[in-house]
Each structure stands twice: as C-alpha cells, then as structure tokens.
Protein backbone atom coordinates (compact mmCIF):
# COMPACT_ATOMS: atom_id res chain seq x y z
CA UNK A 1 -0.82 27.37 -7.28
CA UNK A 2 1.51 28.34 -4.53
CA UNK A 3 -0.16 27.86 -1.21
CA UNK A 4 -3.08 25.69 -2.56
CA UNK A 5 -3.52 22.14 -1.27
CA UNK A 6 -6.16 19.83 -2.72
CA UNK A 7 -7.13 16.35 -3.03
CA UNK A 8 -8.57 15.14 -6.29
CA UNK A 9 -10.47 11.80 -6.41
CA UNK A 10 -11.74 9.98 -9.58
CA UNK A 11 -13.55 6.76 -9.94
CA UNK A 12 -14.47 4.71 -13.00
CA UNK A 13 -17.46 2.53 -12.67
CA UNK A 14 -18.19 -0.39 -14.83
CA UNK A 15 -21.28 -2.50 -15.35
CA UNK A 16 -23.43 -0.54 -12.87
CA UNK A 17 -26.52 -2.39 -11.50
CA UNK A 18 -28.31 0.90 -10.41
CA UNK A 19 -31.83 2.04 -11.01
CA UNK A 20 -32.04 3.13 -14.72
CA UNK A 21 -32.83 6.75 -13.87
CA UNK A 22 -29.62 7.05 -12.34
CA UNK A 23 -28.11 6.75 -15.83
CA UNK A 24 -30.58 8.78 -17.82
CA UNK A 25 -32.59 11.14 -15.64
CA UNK A 26 -30.60 14.47 -14.71
CA UNK A 27 -33.08 15.32 -11.98
CA UNK A 28 -32.63 11.85 -10.31
CA UNK A 29 -28.82 12.30 -10.59
CA UNK A 30 -29.03 15.87 -9.34
CA UNK A 31 -31.07 14.70 -6.32
CA UNK A 32 -28.43 11.88 -5.54
CA UNK A 33 -25.50 14.39 -5.74
CA UNK A 34 -27.18 16.99 -3.73
CA UNK A 35 -28.26 14.51 -0.90
CA UNK A 36 -24.84 12.90 -0.75
CA UNK A 37 -23.09 16.26 -0.78
CA UNK A 38 -25.10 17.41 2.30
CA UNK A 39 -24.63 13.91 3.99
CA UNK A 40 -20.75 14.26 3.57
CA UNK A 41 -20.78 17.81 5.15
CA UNK A 42 -19.87 19.71 2.01
CA UNK A 43 -21.38 22.96 0.72
CA UNK A 44 -23.26 23.11 -2.52
CA UNK A 45 -23.14 26.45 -4.39
CA UNK A 46 -24.95 25.53 -7.64
CA UNK A 47 -25.24 22.64 -10.17
CA UNK A 48 -25.97 22.20 -13.73
CA UNK A 49 -26.96 18.88 -15.49
CA UNK A 50 -27.29 18.23 -19.38
CA UNK A 51 -28.82 15.14 -21.02
CA UNK A 52 -27.35 14.04 -24.40
CA UNK A 53 -29.57 12.98 -27.24
CA UNK A 54 -31.00 9.46 -27.66
CA UNK A 55 -28.63 6.74 -28.77
CA UNK A 56 -29.94 4.01 -31.02
CA UNK A 57 -33.50 4.75 -29.60
CA UNK A 58 -32.38 4.73 -26.00
CA UNK A 59 -32.28 7.68 -23.64
CA UNK A 60 -28.93 9.48 -23.76
CA UNK A 61 -26.40 9.87 -20.92
CA UNK A 62 -26.10 12.72 -18.51
CA UNK A 63 -23.16 14.91 -17.66
CA UNK A 64 -23.20 17.60 -14.89
CA UNK A 65 -21.24 19.41 -12.18
CA UNK A 66 -22.14 20.22 -8.72
CA UNK A 67 -20.21 23.45 -7.55
CA UNK A 68 -18.98 23.27 -4.01
CA UNK A 69 -17.80 25.93 -1.78
CA UNK A 70 -14.78 23.53 -1.44
CA UNK A 71 -14.56 22.98 -5.20
CA UNK A 72 -16.67 20.36 -7.21
CA UNK A 73 -18.32 17.19 -8.00
CA UNK A 74 -18.65 15.93 -11.76
CA UNK A 75 -20.34 12.95 -13.28
CA UNK A 76 -20.81 11.49 -16.60
CA UNK A 77 -22.96 8.47 -17.54
CA UNK A 78 -22.95 6.16 -20.38
CA UNK A 79 -26.30 3.99 -20.21
CA UNK A 80 -25.53 2.21 -23.20
CA UNK A 81 -22.61 0.41 -21.71
CA UNK A 82 -23.65 0.88 -17.89
CA UNK A 83 -20.39 2.85 -17.04
CA UNK A 84 -20.09 6.06 -15.11
CA UNK A 85 -17.24 8.42 -14.35
CA UNK A 86 -17.01 10.47 -11.06
CA UNK A 87 -14.71 13.23 -10.23
CA UNK A 88 -14.38 14.92 -6.85
CA UNK A 89 -11.96 17.74 -6.01
CA UNK A 90 -11.68 19.74 -2.71
CA UNK A 91 -9.39 22.47 -1.65
CA UNK A 92 -7.66 21.86 1.84
CA UNK A 93 -6.03 25.15 2.13
CA UNK A 94 -7.76 26.37 5.34
CA UNK A 95 -9.59 23.07 6.39
CA UNK A 96 -8.74 19.41 5.58
CA UNK A 97 -11.80 18.30 3.63
CA UNK A 98 -10.17 14.98 2.61
CA UNK A 99 -12.44 12.71 4.56
CA UNK A 100 -15.60 14.48 3.45
CA UNK A 101 -14.60 14.20 -0.14
CA UNK A 102 -13.76 10.30 0.17
CA UNK A 103 -17.19 9.90 1.94
CA UNK A 104 -18.94 11.85 -0.96
CA UNK A 105 -17.35 9.78 -3.61
CA UNK A 106 -17.91 6.44 -1.83
CA UNK A 107 -21.52 7.16 -1.21
CA UNK A 108 -22.27 8.04 -4.91
CA UNK A 109 -20.22 4.92 -6.01
CA UNK A 110 -22.29 2.70 -3.81
CA UNK A 111 -25.55 4.17 -5.19
CA UNK A 112 -24.39 3.05 -8.77
CA UNK A 113 -23.79 -0.54 -7.64
CA UNK A 114 -20.89 -1.13 -10.06
CA UNK A 115 -19.42 -4.49 -10.70
CA UNK A 116 -15.83 -2.97 -10.94
CA UNK A 117 -14.39 0.28 -9.66
CA UNK A 118 -11.05 1.90 -10.64
CA UNK A 119 -10.17 4.67 -8.31
CA UNK A 120 -7.37 7.23 -8.35
CA UNK A 121 -6.23 9.76 -5.72
CA UNK A 122 -4.15 12.78 -6.58
CA UNK A 123 -2.66 15.48 -4.27
CA UNK A 124 -3.03 18.81 -6.01
CA UNK A 125 -1.02 22.08 -5.50
CA UNK A 126 1.84 22.96 -3.15
CA UNK A 127 1.73 20.11 -0.86
CA UNK A 128 4.69 21.52 0.95
CA UNK A 129 2.95 24.78 1.99
CA UNK A 130 1.77 25.33 5.43
CA UNK A 131 -1.31 27.21 6.90
CA UNK A 132 -2.58 27.95 10.27
CA UNK A 133 -5.37 25.19 10.17
CA UNK A 134 -3.71 22.47 7.87
CA UNK A 135 -0.54 20.52 8.09
CA UNK A 136 -0.29 18.62 4.92
CA UNK A 137 2.03 15.49 4.78
CA UNK A 138 4.36 14.94 1.94
CA UNK A 139 2.50 11.74 1.01
CA UNK A 140 -1.12 10.84 0.20
CA UNK A 141 -2.76 9.51 3.41
CA UNK A 142 -6.38 8.46 4.32
CA UNK A 143 -8.79 5.74 4.50
CA UNK A 144 -8.47 3.45 1.34
CA UNK A 145 -11.61 1.71 0.45
CA UNK A 146 -12.41 -1.45 -1.43
CA UNK A 147 -16.10 -2.17 -2.21
CA UNK A 148 -16.80 -6.07 -1.46
CA UNK A 149 -20.43 -5.53 -2.98
CA UNK A 150 -22.31 -2.39 -3.84
CA UNK A 151 -23.67 -2.36 -0.09
CA UNK A 152 -20.69 -3.44 1.75
CA UNK A 153 -17.01 -2.09 1.77
CA UNK A 154 -13.71 -2.77 3.57
CA UNK A 155 -11.16 -0.05 4.32
CA UNK A 156 -7.50 0.42 5.74
CA UNK A 157 -5.92 3.68 6.80
CA UNK A 158 -2.83 3.94 4.78
CA UNK A 159 -0.51 6.12 2.68
CA UNK A 160 -0.19 5.78 -1.14
CA UNK A 161 3.68 5.29 -1.71
CA UNK A 162 3.49 4.74 -5.42
CA UNK A 163 0.88 4.66 -8.09
CA UNK A 164 1.28 3.81 -11.71
CA UNK A 165 -0.90 2.69 -14.63
CA UNK A 166 0.76 -0.28 -16.31
CA UNK A 167 -0.32 -1.47 -19.86
CA UNK A 168 -2.78 -3.84 -18.03
CA UNK A 169 -4.07 -2.25 -14.81
CA UNK A 170 -3.54 0.39 -12.11
CA UNK A 171 -0.90 -0.52 -9.66
CA UNK A 172 -0.57 1.05 -6.18
CA UNK A 173 1.88 0.45 -3.33
CA UNK A 174 0.40 1.38 -0.02
CA UNK A 175 1.95 1.82 3.51
CA UNK A 176 -0.50 0.81 6.35
CA UNK A 177 -0.11 0.68 10.08
CA UNK A 178 -1.67 -2.61 10.42
CA UNK A 179 -0.35 -4.74 7.55
CA UNK A 180 2.83 -2.91 6.39
CA UNK A 181 3.30 -2.42 2.68
CA UNK A 182 0.13 -3.42 0.65
CA UNK A 183 -0.17 -4.14 -3.01
CA UNK A 184 -3.43 -3.04 -4.71
CA UNK A 185 -4.42 -3.64 -8.33
CA UNK A 186 -7.36 -2.03 -9.98
CA UNK A 187 -8.56 -0.84 -6.67
CA UNK A 188 -8.48 -4.41 -5.06
CA UNK A 189 -6.27 -5.27 -2.13
CA UNK A 190 -3.94 -8.17 -3.31
CA UNK A 191 -1.17 -8.94 -0.72
CA UNK A 192 0.53 -7.34 2.24
CA UNK A 193 3.73 -7.83 4.11
CA UNK A 194 2.42 -8.72 7.50
CA UNK A 195 -0.60 -11.02 6.78
CA UNK A 196 0.05 -12.54 3.28
CA UNK A 197 0.51 -15.88 4.97
CA UNK A 198 -3.24 -16.32 5.50
CA UNK A 199 -3.87 -16.38 1.77
CA UNK A 200 -0.46 -17.91 0.32
CA UNK A 201 -0.20 -20.74 2.90
CA UNK A 202 -3.85 -21.68 2.29
CA UNK A 203 -3.61 -21.48 -1.59
CA UNK A 204 -0.37 -23.70 -1.58
CA UNK A 205 -0.12 -26.11 1.23
CA UNK A 206 -3.54 -28.06 1.32
CA UNK A 207 -2.98 -29.38 -2.24
CA UNK A 208 0.89 -29.53 -2.07
CA UNK A 209 0.65 -31.70 1.16
CA UNK A 210 -1.92 -34.04 -0.40
CA UNK A 211 0.23 -34.58 -3.42
CA UNK A 212 2.69 -37.40 -2.88
CA UNK A 213 5.80 -35.37 -4.38
CA UNK A 214 4.85 -32.19 -6.43
CA UNK A 215 7.84 -31.54 -8.74
CA UNK A 216 6.65 -29.05 -11.41
CA UNK A 217 4.29 -26.31 -10.59
CA UNK A 218 2.62 -23.42 -12.54
CA UNK A 219 1.39 -20.19 -10.95
CA UNK A 220 -0.97 -18.24 -13.37
CA UNK A 221 -0.48 -14.74 -11.97
CA UNK A 222 1.45 -14.71 -8.73
CA UNK A 223 3.68 -11.94 -9.78
CA UNK A 224 4.31 -10.81 -5.93
CA UNK A 225 6.11 -14.17 -5.55
CA UNK A 226 4.19 -15.02 -2.31
CA UNK A 227 2.77 -18.46 -3.75
CA UNK A 228 6.10 -19.40 -5.20
CA UNK A 229 7.81 -18.89 -1.80
CA UNK A 230 5.45 -21.32 -0.30
CA UNK A 231 5.82 -23.92 -2.91
CA UNK A 232 9.64 -23.90 -2.57
CA UNK A 233 9.29 -25.09 0.92
CA UNK A 234 8.42 -28.47 -0.45
CA UNK A 235 11.73 -30.28 -1.21
CA UNK A 236 10.41 -32.31 -4.12
CA UNK A 237 9.58 -29.16 -6.03
CA UNK A 238 12.27 -28.62 -8.76
CA UNK A 239 10.66 -26.04 -10.97
CA UNK A 240 8.15 -23.19 -10.33
CA UNK A 241 6.92 -21.30 -13.44
CA UNK A 242 5.20 -17.86 -12.70
CA UNK A 243 3.14 -17.12 -15.76
CA UNK A 244 2.53 -13.08 -15.07
CA UNK A 245 0.80 -10.88 -17.38
CA UNK A 246 2.18 -7.58 -15.89
CA UNK A 247 6.09 -7.28 -15.71
CA UNK A 248 5.63 -4.28 -13.51
CA UNK A 249 4.03 -6.23 -10.82
CA UNK A 250 7.03 -8.51 -10.73
CA UNK A 251 9.37 -5.61 -10.68
CA UNK A 252 7.68 -3.62 -7.85
CA UNK A 253 7.52 -6.88 -5.86
CA UNK A 254 11.17 -7.68 -6.39
CA UNK A 255 11.94 -4.08 -5.20
CA UNK A 256 9.40 -3.29 -2.49
CA UNK A 257 7.78 -6.53 -1.27
CA UNK A 258 10.61 -8.76 -0.17
CA UNK A 259 8.80 -9.81 3.03
CA UNK A 260 6.30 -11.44 0.61
CA UNK A 261 8.46 -13.31 -1.59
CA UNK A 262 11.56 -13.65 0.60
CA UNK A 263 13.85 -13.96 -2.51
CA UNK A 264 11.68 -16.66 -4.30
CA UNK A 265 11.43 -14.41 -7.43
CA UNK A 266 15.22 -14.90 -7.94
CA UNK A 267 15.46 -18.46 -6.78
CA UNK A 268 17.17 -20.74 -9.31
CA UNK A 269 14.08 -23.09 -9.22
CA UNK A 270 11.79 -20.17 -10.35
CA UNK A 271 11.18 -19.21 -13.77
CA UNK A 272 9.24 -15.99 -14.72
CA UNK A 273 7.33 -16.03 -17.83
CA UNK A 274 5.82 -12.53 -18.76
CA UNK A 275 2.78 -12.74 -21.01
CA UNK A 276 -0.51 -14.52 -21.53
CA UNK A 277 -0.58 -17.35 -18.88
CA UNK A 278 -3.22 -19.25 -20.87
CA UNK A 279 -0.93 -19.26 -23.90
CA UNK A 280 1.68 -20.86 -21.68
CA UNK A 281 -0.81 -23.38 -20.51
CA UNK A 282 -1.55 -24.39 -24.03
CA UNK A 283 2.13 -24.98 -24.74
CA UNK A 284 2.57 -27.32 -21.68
CA UNK A 285 0.03 -30.27 -21.98
CA UNK A 286 0.30 -32.86 -19.08
CA UNK A 287 3.36 -31.21 -17.53
CA UNK A 288 2.27 -29.89 -14.04
CA UNK A 289 1.63 -31.45 -10.70
CA UNK A 290 0.06 -28.26 -9.39
CA UNK A 291 -1.41 -25.36 -11.17
CA UNK A 292 -2.37 -22.33 -8.90
CA UNK A 293 -4.76 -19.63 -10.15
CA UNK A 294 -3.18 -16.68 -8.15
CA UNK A 295 -5.23 -13.90 -9.93
CA UNK A 296 -7.29 -10.97 -9.33
CA UNK A 297 -11.03 -11.74 -8.50
CA UNK A 298 -13.35 -13.56 -10.68
CA UNK A 299 -15.26 -10.38 -11.28
CA UNK A 300 -12.32 -8.42 -12.66
CA UNK A 301 -10.76 -8.48 -16.35
CA UNK A 302 -9.30 -11.98 -15.21
CA UNK A 303 -12.88 -13.31 -15.30
CA UNK A 304 -12.23 -15.25 -18.71
CA UNK A 305 -9.78 -17.53 -16.85
CA UNK A 306 -12.52 -18.67 -14.57
CA UNK A 307 -14.83 -19.71 -17.36
CA UNK A 308 -15.21 -23.54 -18.18
CA UNK A 309 -13.22 -23.28 -21.44
CA UNK A 310 -10.14 -21.94 -19.70
CA UNK A 311 -10.70 -24.44 -16.86
CA UNK A 312 -10.71 -27.16 -19.43
CA UNK A 313 -7.38 -25.95 -20.92
CA UNK A 314 -5.71 -25.95 -17.46
CA UNK A 315 -6.95 -29.49 -16.84
CA UNK A 316 -5.16 -30.51 -19.97
CA UNK A 317 -2.06 -29.08 -18.63
CA UNK A 318 -2.00 -31.22 -15.45
CA UNK A 319 0.14 -34.16 -15.09
CA UNK A 320 -1.57 -37.38 -13.88
CA UNK A 321 -2.62 -37.10 -10.21
CA UNK A 322 -2.31 -33.15 -10.39
CA UNK A 323 -4.48 -30.50 -9.17
CA UNK A 324 -5.68 -27.05 -9.95
CA UNK A 325 -6.12 -24.48 -7.01
CA UNK A 326 -8.02 -21.40 -7.29
CA UNK A 327 -9.90 -18.78 -5.07
CA UNK A 328 -13.56 -18.38 -5.49
CA UNK A 329 -14.47 -15.26 -3.74
CA UNK A 330 -16.31 -14.73 -0.47
CA UNK A 331 -19.10 -17.32 0.16
CA UNK A 332 -20.51 -14.40 2.41
CA UNK A 333 -20.55 -11.55 -0.17
CA UNK A 334 -20.29 -13.38 -3.48
CA UNK A 335 -22.52 -16.59 -2.92
CA UNK A 336 -23.73 -16.76 -6.68
CA UNK A 337 -20.18 -16.41 -7.93
CA UNK A 338 -18.93 -19.12 -5.56
CA UNK A 339 -21.88 -21.41 -6.58
CA UNK A 340 -21.23 -20.78 -10.24
CA UNK A 341 -17.38 -21.46 -10.01
CA UNK A 342 -17.99 -24.72 -8.13
CA UNK A 343 -20.45 -25.79 -10.68
CA UNK A 344 -17.78 -25.16 -13.39
CA UNK A 345 -15.29 -27.11 -11.47
CA UNK A 346 -17.76 -30.15 -11.06
CA UNK A 347 -18.37 -30.12 -14.74
CA UNK A 348 -14.58 -30.94 -15.52
CA UNK A 349 -13.04 -32.50 -12.51
CA UNK A 350 -13.89 -35.83 -10.62
CA UNK A 351 -12.90 -34.45 -7.42
CA UNK A 352 -13.71 -30.91 -6.13
CA UNK A 353 -12.77 -29.96 -2.63
CA UNK A 354 -13.83 -26.52 -1.59
CA UNK A 355 -12.41 -24.97 1.57
CA UNK A 356 -12.17 -21.49 3.19
CA UNK A 357 -10.80 -19.27 5.84
CA UNK A 358 -10.85 -15.59 7.00
CA UNK A 359 -8.25 -13.32 5.13
CA UNK A 360 -7.73 -10.22 7.00
CA UNK A 361 -6.72 -8.13 4.01
CA UNK A 362 -9.89 -9.07 2.14
CA UNK A 363 -12.11 -8.29 5.07
CA UNK A 364 -14.02 -11.58 4.84
CA UNK A 365 -14.19 -15.37 4.91
CA UNK A 366 -12.88 -16.38 1.66
CA UNK A 367 -13.51 -19.61 -0.43
CA UNK A 368 -11.05 -21.64 -2.27
CA UNK A 369 -10.97 -25.03 -4.01
CA UNK A 370 -8.80 -27.88 -5.10
CA UNK A 371 -10.03 -29.45 -8.25
CA UNK A 372 -8.50 -32.86 -9.64
CA UNK A 373 -9.10 -36.07 -11.21
CA UNK A 374 -7.46 -38.12 -8.25
CA UNK A 375 -6.29 -35.74 -5.45
CA UNK A 376 -8.56 -35.51 -2.47
CA UNK A 377 -6.97 -33.29 0.24
CA UNK A 378 -9.93 -33.25 2.35
CA UNK A 379 -9.81 -36.89 2.97
CA UNK A 380 -6.04 -36.76 4.21
CA UNK A 381 -6.12 -37.57 8.04
CA UNK A 382 -4.35 -35.31 10.57
CA UNK A 383 -1.51 -37.89 11.37
CA UNK A 384 -0.81 -38.34 7.63
CA UNK A 385 -0.86 -34.49 7.22
CA UNK A 386 1.69 -34.14 10.17
CA UNK A 387 3.92 -36.84 8.88
CA UNK A 388 4.28 -35.14 5.60
CA UNK A 389 5.03 -31.91 7.13
CA UNK A 390 7.65 -33.49 9.22
CA UNK A 391 9.15 -35.56 6.36
CA UNK A 392 9.45 -32.61 4.19
CA UNK A 393 10.80 -30.43 7.26
CA UNK A 394 8.54 -27.62 6.21
CA UNK A 395 9.14 -24.64 8.46
CA UNK A 396 8.12 -20.97 8.84
CA UNK A 397 4.52 -21.72 8.55
CA UNK A 398 2.33 -18.99 10.30
CA UNK A 399 -1.09 -20.36 9.67
CA UNK A 400 -1.22 -23.91 8.30
CA UNK A 401 -0.61 -27.01 10.28
CA UNK A 402 -2.16 -30.26 10.64
CA UNK A 403 -5.08 -29.20 12.60
CA UNK A 404 -5.73 -26.32 10.36
CA UNK A 405 -5.58 -28.58 7.22
CA UNK A 406 -8.82 -30.41 8.50
CA UNK A 407 -10.39 -27.17 9.70
CA UNK A 408 -10.09 -25.54 6.08
CA UNK A 409 -12.32 -28.24 4.76
CA UNK A 410 -14.86 -28.03 7.51
CA UNK A 411 -17.39 -25.93 5.80
CA UNK A 412 -20.18 -24.02 7.56
CA UNK A 413 -23.66 -25.11 6.57
CA UNK A 414 -24.36 -22.02 4.26
CA UNK A 415 -21.23 -22.86 2.29
CA UNK A 416 -22.05 -26.50 2.00
CA UNK A 417 -25.58 -25.53 0.59
CA UNK A 418 -23.61 -23.99 -2.40
CA UNK A 419 -22.47 -27.37 -3.39
CA UNK A 420 -25.77 -28.73 -4.29
C-alpha cells in the first residue's frame, strides 16, 4: 500500500429509534445513503443492497455497499435487536476526503437515532508518504463528535493519541487545542486536563462542604482520579476508595492525565479497588460518609447502577448523615432521563437536592443531585459555606466558592418542573 493514504471510520449503533423501514427496506436504506453521500460531497459509482430472509416472522435485516469514487460506504442492519453497523472508507491520496467521510458517517448515524454509538477511526496505508495535494500528519486528526441526542451533537477538533479496546469498553486519549488531553470512553467525552474542574468540583464540594466532617468516601468509577483529588482537599477525609471496573482507565490516567488527578491516584489515603463497584458496595454496609457515582452516562452500559435496586444498595452503604452524589444528564437534552432519575431518588431518600451547571466538555448544562436522609446542601447559607471553606483551608478551587454553592442549586424553571 505504498503511497496510499486513507481514513477508515466505523460506527456500531445500538437501540436505534429510527423509522422501521430504515432497518428492513433496502430501497429506503439506499435512498438514505445516496442522499447523504451527495450531501457530503462524495461521488457514488454504484450500490448493491440485499435483504435477508424473515426472522421469527419479522422482516430480515439488510446488508449493502455503496461504491464511491473515493472508496465505499457499507451498512448492515439487525431489526431484531435495533442495531446497525456502519463502515466508511475514503482514500486521501490526491485529495483529503476526511471531513466529507466524517460528515457522511455522522449524517447516517443521526438518521438511525441510536441510543448508544461506539465509533472507531483508523488511518490506513502509508501515512508517511507525501503527494502534491496531500500532506498527511503522523497522527489522526479531525473533528471528533459526540451525539447528545439523535438530533444534536457536540464536537471538538483534536488528534487521537491512543486508542484501545479494553475488556469493558473502548478507550481513547485525545489531544485538543482547547482542553488539552481528553479521555473518551465508548465515544463519550469523560474528562480533560484544562476544564475538569467544572465537573469534579461540582460533583464533590457541594455535598462535602455540607457534611460536618466527611471521613470515609467511596467513588464508584472515577478511575481518572479527578474526584479523589477534590475529596482530599477536605482535611477530615482519611480514606477514599475508588471502585473502578476498568484497570486500564486507571493506568492511562496515572501515565497521561496527571493534570486531572495531580497525584491523587498514588496518595496514601486513596485505595483503588479494581472490579465490580456494586460488589464492593455490598461488602461495606453503613461505612461511607459520601458515595460519588462518577460513572459514564445513565444511557450507557452503566445504566443498571442508576436503577432503584442499585440506589437502594448504595443507600445501605452510607453512614448516618451520609450522602450519595450522582450526575443525571442534561435537563436540556435528556429531560425524560433526568425526571426519571429524580423520581428514583425521591423513592429512596428523604432529602433530594438537584443542582446543575454548564460543563464545557459535555457541551451542555448538566444536572447533578445530592441524595441523603439528612444532608441538605441547598439549605446551607453563604456565610456557613464560606466559614467551612476557610476552616478547612480548601485551596486551588477554580470554579466552586460560597457564591457558586448557592447558584448551583438555583434551578431554572424548566428544571424545577422536572421535580414534580
């Protein structure tokens, strides 16, 4: 393949909410792919589509390929599961078609309205070769997109420094001009060097300040170490347990994301437990002053940990006066999900304090909540917040302060309406 430079994009779509014909009708799928190919500025040469036989009395899936002058688009549908696989390859020897390929893939993805997407990008061929019109870089660079909903997306310009498939998820380390290094899991932006404080300070300090003296804390997930670093700013904290499923997240963070954890992963007060976080919860009844659910989003494979049964198990692991903290998703883009999660919390806890802030890396206003049988961070007055910050000598805060504490719990009306 000397002299050939190409970009190969794949996407695995799960639980698609599209019109049924886009799963079972070869003509409808062909029209979609032809239209989006033209919209992306690529050149169709020919296409072929085949429908599989019926499965358990239902129409079979469709497989097909659209041949491009630049290479191809391939698609395969599984109507029985609602899943779809997409494959776009473009040759970039004489002209860089990367942007067009990305646009084609994303437009087709959005048409299928998946609840979850796993994307992969692969540079093909001799990326060190040169040509009169193309000057390829040694790393994979372009717009990196995350779908907030089937009709809205957020993107960053960046370079993929590392990609690996762990036993649990796909893991990517990106380099971006705006946020520095970024960790992405299963196609979702998780944390970044330059703006992690928005999420981590908001996740930790409202509940930790409201608690008179948190000592033992549990983070379910949190393998990047950012939440642990914030907890350790409270002098009463003597132990932080990070129950992280994926050891490779911890290892990558330890090596590449020091600006996020600032050494917290190797602090003597921090203990890392690799494995099922809920199994650790079940072994620890009544032990923790704070439990933080620092997980992937509620519509990912972590969804079971947001269900009422899991919340009840976490409640049993709280010490008297303790609190559970979690993020809910965006009240703007995920209102039904936010409403459902708040309902689950109200079923279990006497005090539920929802709050929110804009998180740059997530591209949206984001909802969080503190749930407790006693703790009410929203009722803590500004002078009391400031007094606790001063007494605990908490420094190096980039977002959270006494004014911000109250502002976090000042909910817009559309968010308040979700509490009914």
